[in-house]
Amino acid sequence: MIGEGIIKNSEEIKKIKINGMNIDVEIDNYNEKKDLILPSDSAGGWRSKINAIPPIKSDLKVEKDELLLNIEKLRKNAKIWQKTGGTHVAAFVNNDKNQFIVREDVSRHVAVDKVIGAATRKKLDFFNSYIIYSGRMPADMVIKIVRSGIPLLASNAAPSFSGYSVAEKGNVTLVGFIREDRFNVYTHWDRVIF
């Protein structure tokens, strides 16, 4: 729900009821927020409304060597990915609290959702954190990052043009093709210290 822009933190959840495969969640001010739920990546969907989402304001700075070390740390912590290559892996990095939260899933979106959820439960500061993961960076992934308030997304893959466009408008730094001792910074490069 954070990645969809419906809530900003766990305090907005009034009640969760789990019954088998059904999960009912009651949140504060649902009637005001239900119009935020946009189901597709089409030009008429949420991507056309990126201007309605405030750009991220963050003073986050990340050393280039830290990015290189953390992509390696991600690979080492990706147990299923190492064995099969059939999953995606994501990590939520928060240096203030010395947190490196790793989750894997067959879906790159769900892997990222899992680390956002784990960071939410730990009440970590999203504006001074970043995500590194093993997937492409299309618009639907970047919008999740903007809505969550995370200023930097790094991957071993590259952004799509739609992802680049959303990152520009949302003030997200995209770092891609992290391999060996090199990578590309596509947007808002001032957050990376060389």
C-alpha atoms as a PDB file:
ATOM      1  CA  MET A   1       0.000   0.000   0.000  1.00  0.00           C
ATOM      2  CA  ILE A   2       2.976   2.307   0.493  1.00  0.00           C
ATOM      3  CA  GLY A   3       4.266   1.591  -3.020  1.00  0.00           C
ATOM      4  CA  GLU A   4       0.798   2.322  -4.393  1.00  0.00           C
ATOM      5  CA  GLY A   5       0.694   5.671  -2.596  1.00  0.00           C
ATOM      6  CA  ILE A   6      -2.345   4.752  -0.518  1.00  0.00           C
ATOM      7  CA  ILE A   7      -0.608   5.121   2.860  1.00  0.00           C
ATOM      8  CA  LYS A   8       2.566   6.891   3.987  1.00  0.00           C
ATOM      9  CA  ASN A   9       3.327   4.752   7.069  1.00  0.00           C
ATOM     10  CA  SER A  10       1.994   1.858   9.133  1.00  0.00           C
ATOM     11  CA  GLU A  11       0.212   4.196  11.558  1.00  0.00           C
ATOM     12  CA  GLU A  12      -2.439   4.825   8.864  1.00  0.00           C
ATOM     13  CA  ILE A  13      -3.548   1.182   9.095  1.00  0.00           C
ATOM     14  CA  LYS A  14      -6.469   0.868  11.499  1.00  0.00           C
ATOM     15  CA  LYS A  15      -7.055  -2.873  11.227  1.00  0.00           C
ATOM     16  CA  ILE A  16      -5.832  -5.932   9.315  1.00  0.00           C
ATOM     17  CA  LYS A  17      -7.899  -9.113   9.204  1.00  0.00           C
ATOM     18  CA  ILE A  18      -6.447 -12.234   7.570  1.00  0.00           C
ATOM     19  CA  ASN A  19      -8.749 -15.122   6.756  1.00  0.00           C
ATOM     20  CA  GLY A  20      -7.011 -17.728   4.612  1.00  0.00           C
ATOM     21  CA  MET A  21      -6.189 -16.070   1.302  1.00  0.00           C
ATOM     22  CA  ASN A  22      -8.354 -13.013   2.012  1.00  0.00           C
ATOM     23  CA  ILE A  23      -6.774  -9.971   3.614  1.00  0.00           C
ATOM     24  CA  ASP A  24      -8.963  -7.046   4.641  1.00  0.00           C
ATOM     25  CA  VAL A  25      -7.242  -3.807   5.553  1.00  0.00           C
ATOM     26  CA  GLU A  26      -8.958  -0.789   7.048  1.00  0.00           C
ATOM     27  CA  ILE A  27      -7.073   2.502   6.657  1.00  0.00           C
ATOM     28  CA  ASP A  28      -7.599   6.091   7.748  1.00  0.00           C
ATOM     29  CA  ASN A  29      -9.438   8.319   5.282  1.00  0.00           C
ATOM     30  CA  TYR A  30     -10.043   5.582   2.692  1.00  0.00           C
ATOM     31  CA  ASN A  31     -12.738   7.550   0.834  1.00  0.00           C
ATOM     32  CA  GLU A  32     -10.280  10.398   0.230  1.00  0.00           C
ATOM     33  CA  LYS A  33      -7.581   7.996  -0.972  1.00  0.00           C
ATOM     34  CA  LYS A  34      -9.474   5.534  -3.172  1.00  0.00           C
ATOM     35  CA  ASP A  35      -9.051   7.763  -6.240  1.00  0.00           C
ATOM     36  CA  LEU A  36      -5.275   7.284  -5.907  1.00  0.00           C
ATOM     37  CA  ILE A  37      -5.609   3.628  -6.887  1.00  0.00           C
ATOM     38  CA  LEU A  38      -4.696   3.489 -10.575  1.00  0.00           C
ATOM     39  CA  PRO A  39      -4.445  -0.002 -11.995  1.00  0.00           C
ATOM     40  CA  SER A  40      -2.150   0.248 -15.007  1.00  0.00           C
ATOM     41  CA  ASP A  41       1.056   1.582 -16.495  1.00  0.00           C
ATOM     42  CA  SER A  42      -0.776   3.056 -19.462  1.00  0.00           C
ATOM     43  CA  ALA A  43      -0.257   6.657 -20.514  1.00  0.00           C
ATOM     44  CA  GLY A  44      -3.800   7.353 -19.292  1.00  0.00           C
ATOM     45  CA  GLY A  45      -3.125   5.573 -15.991  1.00  0.00           C
ATOM     46  CA  TRP A  46      -0.915   6.636 -13.117  1.00  0.00           C
ATOM     47  CA  ARG A  47       2.042   7.543 -15.330  1.00  0.00           C
ATOM     48  CA  SER A  48       0.016  10.448 -16.696  1.00  0.00           C
ATOM     49  CA  LYS A  49      -0.523  11.625 -13.103  1.00  0.00           C
ATOM     50  CA  ILE A  50       3.135  11.632 -11.970  1.00  0.00           C
ATOM     51  CA  ASN A  51       2.879  15.413 -11.601  1.00  0.00           C
ATOM     52  CA  ALA A  52       0.250  14.840  -8.865  1.00  0.00           C
ATOM     53  CA  ILE A  53       2.878  13.071  -6.733  1.00  0.00           C
ATOM     54  CA  PRO A  54       5.304  15.432  -5.012  1.00  0.00           C
ATOM     55  CA  PRO A  55       8.948  14.934  -6.055  1.00  0.00           C
ATOM     56  CA  ILE A  56      11.194  13.420  -3.398  1.00  0.00           C
ATOM     57  CA  LYS A  57      13.105  15.853  -1.226  1.00  0.00           C
ATOM     58  CA  SER A  58      16.141  14.185   0.289  1.00  0.00           C
ATOM     59  CA  ASP A  59      19.718  15.069   1.157  1.00  0.00           C
ATOM     60  CA  LEU A  60      20.853  11.460   0.710  1.00  0.00           C
ATOM     61  CA  LYS A  61      24.431  11.077  -0.572  1.00  0.00           C
ATOM     62  CA  VAL A  62      25.943   7.679  -1.354  1.00  0.00           C
ATOM     63  CA  GLU A  63      29.623   6.965  -1.998  1.00  0.00           C
ATOM     64  CA  LYS A  64      30.276   5.101  -5.246  1.00  0.00           C
ATOM     65  CA  ASP A  65      32.252   2.440  -3.359  1.00  0.00           C
ATOM     66  CA  GLU A  66      29.273   1.844  -1.070  1.00  0.00           C
ATOM     67  CA  LEU A  67      27.048   1.085  -4.068  1.00  0.00           C
ATOM     68  CA  LEU A  68      29.616  -1.356  -5.424  1.00  0.00           C
ATOM     69  CA  LEU A  69      29.998  -3.066  -2.034  1.00  0.00           C
ATOM     70  CA  ASN A  70      26.255  -3.293  -1.503  1.00  0.00           C
ATOM     71  CA  ILE A  71      25.506  -4.832  -4.905  1.00  0.00           C
ATOM     72  CA  GLU A  72      28.086  -7.488  -4.009  1.00  0.00           C
ATOM     73  CA  LYS A  73      26.503  -7.900  -0.572  1.00  0.00           C
ATOM     74  CA  LEU A  74      23.123  -8.273  -2.296  1.00  0.00           C
ATOM     75  CA  ARG A  75      24.494 -11.051  -4.504  1.00  0.00           C
ATOM     76  CA  LYS A  76      25.972 -12.883  -1.502  1.00  0.00           C
ATOM     77  CA  ASN A  77      22.688 -12.679   0.420  1.00  0.00           C
ATOM     78  CA  ALA A  78      20.607 -13.873  -2.548  1.00  0.00           C
ATOM     79  CA  LYS A  79      20.549 -17.569  -1.743  1.00  0.00           C
ATOM     80  CA  ILE A  80      17.819 -18.686  -4.178  1.00  0.00           C
ATOM     81  CA  TRP A  81      18.995 -16.303  -6.909  1.00  0.00           C
ATOM     82  CA  GLN A  82      22.533 -17.739  -6.671  1.00  0.00           C
ATOM     83  CA  LYS A  83      21.310 -21.314  -6.990  1.00  0.00           C
ATOM     84  CA  THR A  84      18.620 -20.912  -9.634  1.00  0.00           C
ATOM     85  CA  GLY A  85      18.726 -17.447 -11.205  1.00  0.00           C
ATOM     86  CA  GLY A  86      14.936 -17.839 -11.212  1.00  0.00           C
ATOM     87  CA  THR A  87      14.141 -15.170  -8.658  1.00  0.00           C
ATOM     88  CA  HIS A  88      14.691 -11.488  -8.112  1.00  0.00           C
ATOM     89  CA  VAL A  89      16.367 -10.072  -5.055  1.00  0.00           C
ATOM     90  CA  ALA A  90      16.048  -6.645  -3.436  1.00  0.00           C
ATOM     91  CA  ALA A  91      17.684  -4.913  -0.489  1.00  0.00           C
ATOM     92  CA  PHE A  92      16.596  -1.874   1.491  1.00  0.00           C
ATOM     93  CA  VAL A  93      19.694  -0.010   2.707  1.00  0.00           C
ATOM     94  CA  ASN A  94      19.587   2.454   5.609  1.00  0.00           C
ATOM     95  CA  ASN A  95      23.005   3.470   6.893  1.00  0.00           C
ATOM     96  CA  ASP A  96      21.738   5.502   9.849  1.00  0.00           C
ATOM     97  CA  LYS A  97      20.348   2.369  11.504  1.00  0.00           C
ATOM     98  CA  ASN A  98      22.876  -0.016   9.901  1.00  0.00           C
ATOM     99  CA  GLN A  99      20.094  -1.883   8.104  1.00  0.00           C
ATOM    100  CA  PHE A 100      20.489  -4.093   5.044  1.00  0.00           C
ATOM    101  CA  ILE A 101      17.177  -5.907   4.544  1.00  0.00           C
ATOM    102  CA  VAL A 102      17.137  -8.559   1.789  1.00  0.00           C
ATOM    103  CA  ARG A 103      14.148 -10.353   0.291  1.00  0.00           C
ATOM    104  CA  GLU A 104      13.726 -12.610  -2.754  1.00  0.00           C
ATOM    105  CA  ASP A 105      10.726 -13.401  -4.936  1.00  0.00           C
ATOM    106  CA  VAL A 106       9.989 -14.594  -8.465  1.00  0.00           C
ATOM    107  CA  SER A 107       8.573 -11.125  -9.112  1.00  0.00           C
ATOM    108  CA  ARG A 108      10.873  -8.107  -9.047  1.00  0.00           C
ATOM    109  CA  HIS A 109       7.938  -6.002  -7.835  1.00  0.00           C
ATOM    110  CA  VAL A 110       7.130  -8.324  -4.970  1.00  0.00           C
ATOM    111  CA  ALA A 111      10.802  -8.484  -3.921  1.00  0.00           C
ATOM    112  CA  VAL A 112      10.816  -4.671  -3.714  1.00  0.00           C
ATOM    113  CA  ASP A 113       7.410  -4.628  -1.977  1.00  0.00           C
ATOM    114  CA  LYS A 114       8.787  -7.061   0.613  1.00  0.00           C
ATOM    115  CA  VAL A 115      11.773  -4.873   1.514  1.00  0.00           C
ATOM    116  CA  ILE A 116       9.569  -1.764   1.639  1.00  0.00           C
ATOM    117  CA  GLY A 117       7.208  -3.631   3.963  1.00  0.00           C
ATOM    118  CA  ALA A 118      10.036  -4.859   6.193  1.00  0.00           C
ATOM    119  CA  ALA A 119      11.489  -1.334   6.395  1.00  0.00           C
ATOM    120  CA  THR A 120       8.045   0.044   7.234  1.00  0.00           C
ATOM    121  CA  ARG A 121       7.688  -2.416  10.097  1.00  0.00           C
ATOM    122  CA  LYS A 122      11.083  -1.298  11.432  1.00  0.00           C
ATOM    123  CA  LYS A 123       9.996   2.355  11.038  1.00  0.00           C
ATOM    124  CA  LEU A 124      13.077   3.238   8.981  1.00  0.00           C
ATOM    125  CA  ASP A 125      13.532   6.655   7.384  1.00  0.00           C
ATOM    126  CA  PHE A 126      12.818   6.198   3.662  1.00  0.00           C
ATOM    127  CA  PHE A 127      14.183   9.622   2.675  1.00  0.00           C
ATOM    128  CA  ASN A 128      17.671   8.594   3.843  1.00  0.00           C
ATOM    129  CA  SER A 129      17.595   5.078   2.418  1.00  0.00           C
ATOM    130  CA  TYR A 130      17.811   3.393  -0.958  1.00  0.00           C
ATOM    131  CA  ILE A 131      16.956   0.168  -2.731  1.00  0.00           C
ATOM    132  CA  ILE A 132      19.242  -2.036  -4.758  1.00  0.00           C
ATOM    133  CA  TYR A 133      17.813  -4.942  -6.700  1.00  0.00           C
ATOM    134  CA  SER A 134      18.187  -7.340  -9.593  1.00  0.00           C
ATOM    135  CA  GLY A 135      15.611  -6.098 -12.047  1.00  0.00           C
ATOM    136  CA  ARG A 136      14.907  -3.635 -14.828  1.00  0.00           C
ATOM    137  CA  MET A 137      13.788  -0.121 -13.948  1.00  0.00           C
ATOM    138  CA  PRO A 138      10.585   0.564 -15.918  1.00  0.00           C
ATOM    139  CA  ALA A 139       8.048   3.254 -15.026  1.00  0.00           C
ATOM    140  CA  ASP A 140       5.896   0.975 -12.881  1.00  0.00           C
ATOM    141  CA  MET A 141       8.869   0.171 -10.631  1.00  0.00           C
ATOM    142  CA  VAL A 142      10.086   3.763 -10.417  1.00  0.00           C
ATOM    143  CA  ILE A 143       6.614   5.107  -9.565  1.00  0.00           C
ATOM    144  CA  LYS A 144       6.573   2.679  -6.613  1.00  0.00           C
ATOM    145  CA  ILE A 145       9.882   4.171  -5.453  1.00  0.00           C
ATOM    146  CA  VAL A 146       8.618   7.765  -5.864  1.00  0.00           C
ATOM    147  CA  ARG A 147       5.411   7.012  -3.991  1.00  0.00           C
ATOM    148  CA  SER A 148       7.416   5.393  -1.188  1.00  0.00           C
ATOM    149  CA  GLY A 149       9.716   8.415  -0.896  1.00  0.00           C
ATOM    150  CA  ILE A 150      12.936   6.507  -1.582  1.00  0.00           C
ATOM    151  CA  PRO A 151      15.465   8.798  -3.323  1.00  0.00           C
ATOM    152  CA  LEU A 152      17.713   6.222  -5.039  1.00  0.00           C
ATOM    153  CA  LEU A 153      17.150   2.973  -6.938  1.00  0.00           C
ATOM    154  CA  ALA A 154      20.157   0.942  -8.068  1.00  0.00           C
ATOM    155  CA  SER A 155      20.224  -2.209 -10.178  1.00  0.00           C
ATOM    156  CA  ASN A 156      22.413  -4.486 -12.209  1.00  0.00           C
ATOM    157  CA  ALA A 157      20.058  -3.664 -15.111  1.00  0.00           C
ATOM    158  CA  ALA A 158      19.210  -0.438 -16.930  1.00  0.00           C
ATOM    159  CA  PRO A 159      16.169   1.818 -16.790  1.00  0.00           C
ATOM    160  CA  SER A 160      13.630   1.905 -19.559  1.00  0.00           C
ATOM    161  CA  PHE A 161      12.847   5.288 -21.109  1.00  0.00           C
ATOM    162  CA  SER A 162       9.556   5.376 -19.188  1.00  0.00           C
ATOM    163  CA  GLY A 163      11.427   4.664 -15.933  1.00  0.00           C
ATOM    164  CA  TYR A 164      13.927   7.398 -16.712  1.00  0.00           C
ATOM    165  CA  SER A 165      11.097   9.888 -17.363  1.00  0.00           C
ATOM    166  CA  VAL A 166       9.327   9.072 -14.088  1.00  0.00           C
ATOM    167  CA  ALA A 167      12.623   9.297 -12.138  1.00  0.00           C
ATOM    168  CA  GLU A 168      13.361  12.721 -13.618  1.00  0.00           C
ATOM    169  CA  LYS A 169       9.954  14.069 -12.580  1.00  0.00           C
ATOM    170  CA  GLY A 170       9.955  12.301  -9.207  1.00  0.00           C
ATOM    171  CA  ASN A 171      13.527  13.328  -8.279  1.00  0.00           C
ATOM    172  CA  VAL A 172      14.816   9.746  -7.980  1.00  0.00           C
ATOM    173  CA  THR A 173      18.423   8.841  -8.722  1.00  0.00           C
ATOM    174  CA  LEU A 174      18.657   5.794 -11.000  1.00  0.00           C
ATOM    175  CA  VAL A 175      21.911   3.842 -10.995  1.00  0.00           C
ATOM    176  CA  GLY A 176      22.207   0.935 -13.400  1.00  0.00           C
ATOM    177  CA  PHE A 177      24.548  -1.659 -14.856  1.00  0.00           C
ATOM    178  CA  ILE A 178      26.405  -2.051 -11.568  1.00  0.00           C
ATOM    179  CA  ARG A 179      29.126  -4.523 -12.498  1.00  0.00           C
ATOM    180  CA  GLU A 180      32.639  -5.041 -11.179  1.00  0.00           C
ATOM    181  CA  ASP A 181      33.871  -1.491 -10.522  1.00  0.00           C
ATOM    182  CA  ARG A 182      31.568   0.525 -12.755  1.00  0.00           C
ATOM    183  CA  PHE A 183      27.994   1.703 -13.222  1.00  0.00           C
ATOM    184  CA  ASN A 184      25.920   4.403 -14.922  1.00  0.00           C
ATOM    185  CA  VAL A 185      24.034   7.179 -13.146  1.00  0.00           C
ATOM    186  CA  TYR A 186      21.023   8.108 -15.265  1.00  0.00           C
ATOM    187  CA  THR A 187      19.172  10.748 -13.235  1.00  0.00           C
ATOM    188  CA  HIS A 188      19.919  13.165 -10.403  1.00  0.00           C
ATOM    189  CA  TRP A 189      23.599  12.191 -10.269  1.00  0.00           C
ATOM    190  CA  ASP A 190      24.341  14.637  -7.412  1.00  0.00           C
ATOM    191  CA  ARG A 191      23.338  11.971  -4.861  1.00  0.00           C
ATOM    192  CA  VAL A 192      26.298   9.793  -5.845  1.00  0.00           C
ATOM    193  CA  ILE A 193      29.722  10.839  -4.524  1.00  0.00           C
ATOM    194  CA  PHE A 194      32.579   9.945  -6.877  1.00  0.00           C
END
